[in-house]
Amino acid sequence: MKARKLYPNQYVPNSVVINPYFYTNSVTNTKEVILINEWSFNEGVSEMELNVVKLTAFDDKGNEHLFFEMPKENIVKIKGMRYARFLKSHSLDKLSKGTYLYFRFYLKSNFNKFIYSNGEEKYLSGVNCLDFKIKNKLKVDGHQTGEVKLWFDLAPNHFIRHLKPIIDFIRKGTE
């Protein structure tokens, strides 16, 4: 039998290793913004998959400011705050000084999907943008750097949604 040397540090996965950069250089200038689209909330939309082209912000004077632009086709999955999911951007320095009222997501005409709270899925067609109102407004000082966390206030999922495949299977068996 051959004796082998064991080096435990090379068998540790990267997710377990503590990254000192995470603790020493964390961004302290984080703005958190809650976005709501009244129509989708009232319709019971709980998740969105959007093919976003660019994102702009509108200030209180009605001027549109480019927040960021996607270089290629990019499907963005948006879930509500109940999932603890958000979009994070380091583009806060692109916004000029002012108070911002809503964000506008410009969409491509294909691959946009709404998932309702009951599990039903519908594809969106003929819509080139979606507006999300900012709760409590976003105030930017102009020379501000850091990141922005975009939280989405969407309708909650119904528990019965997870049982829908089982219910459909039982219904097919009784027909």
Protein backbone atom coordinates (compact mmCIF):
# COMPACT_ATOMS: atom_id res chain seq x y z
CA MET A 1 0.00 0.00 0.00
CA LYS A 2 1.32 3.38 -1.02
CA ALA A 3 1.30 6.34 1.38
CA ARG A 4 -0.22 9.53 -0.06
CA LYS A 5 0.21 13.06 1.17
CA LEU A 6 -2.99 14.92 1.85
CA TYR A 7 -3.23 18.67 1.38
CA PRO A 8 -6.68 19.67 2.70
CA ASN A 9 -6.56 23.25 1.46
CA GLN A 10 -6.65 22.16 -2.18
CA TYR A 11 -9.87 20.16 -1.65
CA VAL A 12 -11.86 23.05 -0.15
CA PRO A 13 -14.39 24.50 -2.60
CA ASN A 14 -14.11 28.22 -3.36
CA SER A 15 -17.51 29.04 -1.90
CA VAL A 16 -16.28 28.03 1.55
CA VAL A 17 -13.05 30.02 1.43
CA ILE A 18 -13.44 33.41 3.09
CA ASN A 19 -12.74 36.29 0.73
CA PRO A 20 -11.06 39.13 2.65
CA TYR A 21 -11.93 41.60 -0.14
CA PHE A 22 -15.60 41.10 0.68
CA TYR A 23 -15.12 42.33 4.23
CA THR A 24 -12.52 45.07 3.77
CA ASN A 25 -13.70 46.79 0.59
CA SER A 26 -17.46 46.50 0.87
CA VAL A 27 -19.46 49.33 -0.66
CA THR A 28 -20.82 51.56 2.08
CA ASN A 29 -22.68 53.95 -0.20
CA THR A 30 -25.60 51.72 -1.16
CA LYS A 31 -29.01 53.10 -2.06
CA GLU A 32 -31.97 50.75 -1.86
CA VAL A 33 -34.97 51.54 -4.04
CA ILE A 34 -38.37 49.83 -4.06
CA LEU A 35 -40.05 49.80 -7.48
CA ILE A 36 -43.71 49.12 -8.17
CA ASN A 37 -45.70 48.85 -11.38
CA GLU A 38 -49.33 49.46 -10.39
CA TRP A 39 -50.82 47.56 -13.34
CA SER A 40 -48.78 44.40 -12.82
CA PHE A 41 -49.39 44.45 -9.06
CA ASN A 42 -53.17 44.77 -9.54
CA GLU A 43 -53.15 42.00 -12.18
CA GLY A 44 -51.39 39.64 -9.76
CA VAL A 45 -48.02 39.34 -11.50
CA SER A 46 -45.52 37.71 -9.15
CA GLU A 47 -42.52 37.20 -11.48
CA MET A 48 -41.28 38.72 -14.73
CA GLU A 49 -38.80 37.63 -17.36
CA LEU A 50 -37.97 40.69 -19.43
CA ASN A 51 -35.71 41.12 -22.44
CA VAL A 52 -34.27 44.49 -21.38
CA VAL A 53 -32.50 46.80 -23.83
CA LYS A 54 -31.84 49.74 -21.50
CA LEU A 55 -32.97 51.29 -18.25
CA THR A 56 -33.62 54.99 -17.81
CA ALA A 57 -34.63 57.15 -14.85
CA PHE A 58 -37.04 60.10 -14.95
CA ASP A 59 -36.49 63.04 -12.63
CA ASP A 60 -39.13 65.32 -11.10
CA LYS A 61 -38.82 67.72 -14.08
CA GLY A 62 -39.71 64.97 -16.57
CA ASN A 63 -36.19 64.61 -18.01
CA GLU A 64 -35.03 61.13 -18.98
CA HIS A 65 -31.53 60.02 -17.89
CA LEU A 66 -29.82 56.85 -19.11
CA PHE A 67 -29.09 54.56 -16.16
CA PHE A 68 -27.54 51.65 -18.06
CA GLU A 69 -27.72 49.99 -21.45
CA MET A 70 -27.47 46.30 -22.24
CA PRO A 71 -24.89 45.50 -24.95
CA LYS A 72 -26.69 42.35 -26.14
CA GLU A 73 -29.91 40.43 -25.68
CA ASN A 74 -30.35 39.90 -21.96
CA ILE A 75 -33.27 38.18 -20.22
CA VAL A 76 -33.66 39.63 -16.72
CA LYS A 77 -35.61 37.54 -14.21
CA ILE A 78 -37.43 39.75 -11.74
CA LYS A 79 -38.96 38.37 -8.57
CA GLY A 80 -40.61 40.23 -5.75
CA MET A 81 -39.15 41.31 -2.43
CA ARG A 82 -40.64 38.22 -0.79
CA TYR A 83 -37.95 36.15 -2.54
CA ALA A 84 -35.20 38.50 -1.27
CA ARG A 85 -34.08 39.05 -4.88
CA PHE A 86 -32.98 42.39 -6.29
CA LEU A 87 -31.06 43.88 -9.19
CA LYS A 88 -27.80 45.57 -8.32
CA SER A 89 -26.07 48.24 -10.38
CA HIS A 90 -22.96 50.35 -9.91
CA SER A 91 -24.37 53.05 -12.24
CA LEU A 92 -25.39 55.55 -9.56
CA ASP A 93 -22.68 57.96 -10.70
CA LYS A 94 -24.33 58.17 -14.16
CA LEU A 95 -27.33 59.98 -12.70
CA SER A 96 -27.09 63.74 -12.36
CA LYS A 97 -28.14 65.64 -9.25
CA GLY A 98 -31.87 65.56 -8.63
CA THR A 99 -34.90 63.65 -7.42
CA TYR A 100 -36.04 60.68 -9.49
CA LEU A 101 -39.65 59.48 -9.61
CA TYR A 102 -39.63 56.34 -11.76
CA PHE A 103 -37.53 53.96 -13.85
CA ARG A 104 -38.42 52.90 -17.36
CA PHE A 105 -37.35 49.50 -18.68
CA TYR A 106 -37.09 49.47 -22.48
CA LEU A 107 -37.88 46.00 -23.84
CA LYS A 108 -37.30 44.08 -27.03
CA SER A 109 -40.46 42.75 -28.61
CA ASN A 110 -39.71 39.07 -27.93
CA PHE A 111 -39.16 36.80 -24.92
CA ASN A 112 -41.00 38.95 -22.35
CA LYS A 113 -43.04 36.86 -19.94
CA PHE A 114 -45.26 37.52 -16.92
CA ILE A 115 -45.81 34.77 -14.36
CA TYR A 116 -48.95 35.34 -12.31
CA SER A 117 -49.44 34.45 -8.66
CA ASN A 118 -51.55 31.40 -9.60
CA GLY A 119 -48.74 30.00 -11.80
CA GLU A 120 -50.22 31.04 -15.14
CA GLU A 121 -47.68 32.31 -17.69
CA LYS A 122 -48.38 34.89 -20.40
CA TYR A 123 -46.04 36.30 -23.00
CA LEU A 124 -46.04 40.04 -23.44
CA SER A 125 -46.28 41.35 -26.98
CA GLY A 126 -46.57 44.83 -28.40
CA VAL A 127 -45.08 46.49 -25.29
CA ASN A 128 -41.79 48.31 -25.74
CA CYS A 129 -41.39 49.70 -22.20
CA LEU A 130 -42.51 49.23 -18.60
CA ASP A 131 -42.57 52.03 -16.01
CA PHE A 132 -41.85 51.33 -12.35
CA LYS A 133 -42.64 54.02 -9.82
CA ILE A 134 -40.04 54.60 -7.09
CA LYS A 135 -41.47 54.46 -3.58
CA ASN A 136 -40.22 57.42 -1.49
CA LYS A 137 -38.32 58.83 -4.52
CA LEU A 138 -34.59 58.54 -5.20
CA LYS A 139 -32.46 61.54 -4.27
CA VAL A 140 -29.03 61.82 -5.87
CA ASP A 141 -26.40 64.43 -4.88
CA GLY A 142 -24.64 64.45 -8.24
CA HIS A 143 -21.14 63.41 -7.12
CA GLN A 144 -22.39 60.26 -5.46
CA THR A 145 -20.77 56.90 -6.16
CA GLY A 146 -21.76 53.46 -5.03
CA GLU A 147 -24.40 50.96 -5.96
CA VAL A 148 -28.16 50.86 -6.24
CA LYS A 149 -30.27 47.87 -5.24
CA LEU A 150 -33.55 47.72 -7.14
CA TRP A 151 -36.22 45.84 -5.21
CA PHE A 152 -39.52 45.01 -6.91
CA ASP A 153 -42.87 45.02 -5.14
CA LEU A 154 -44.83 42.29 -6.93
CA ALA A 155 -47.89 40.28 -5.96
CA PRO A 156 -47.23 37.28 -3.67
CA ASN A 157 -47.48 33.71 -4.95
CA HIS A 158 -50.37 31.51 -3.88
CA PHE A 159 -49.40 28.25 -2.19
CA ILE A 160 -51.83 26.29 -4.38
CA ARG A 161 -49.64 27.21 -7.36
CA HIS A 162 -47.06 24.62 -6.31
CA LEU A 163 -49.75 21.92 -6.24
CA LYS A 164 -51.07 22.78 -9.74
CA PRO A 165 -49.13 20.01 -11.60
CA ILE A 166 -50.45 17.38 -9.17
CA ILE A 167 -54.03 18.68 -9.46
CA ASP A 168 -53.79 18.69 -13.29
CA PHE A 169 -52.46 15.11 -13.25
CA ILE A 170 -55.36 13.96 -11.03
CA ARG A 171 -57.90 15.72 -13.27
CA LYS A 172 -56.50 14.03 -16.39
CA GLY A 173 -56.74 10.65 -14.67
CA THR A 174 -60.44 11.11 -13.79
CA GLU A 175 -61.51 12.25 -17.28
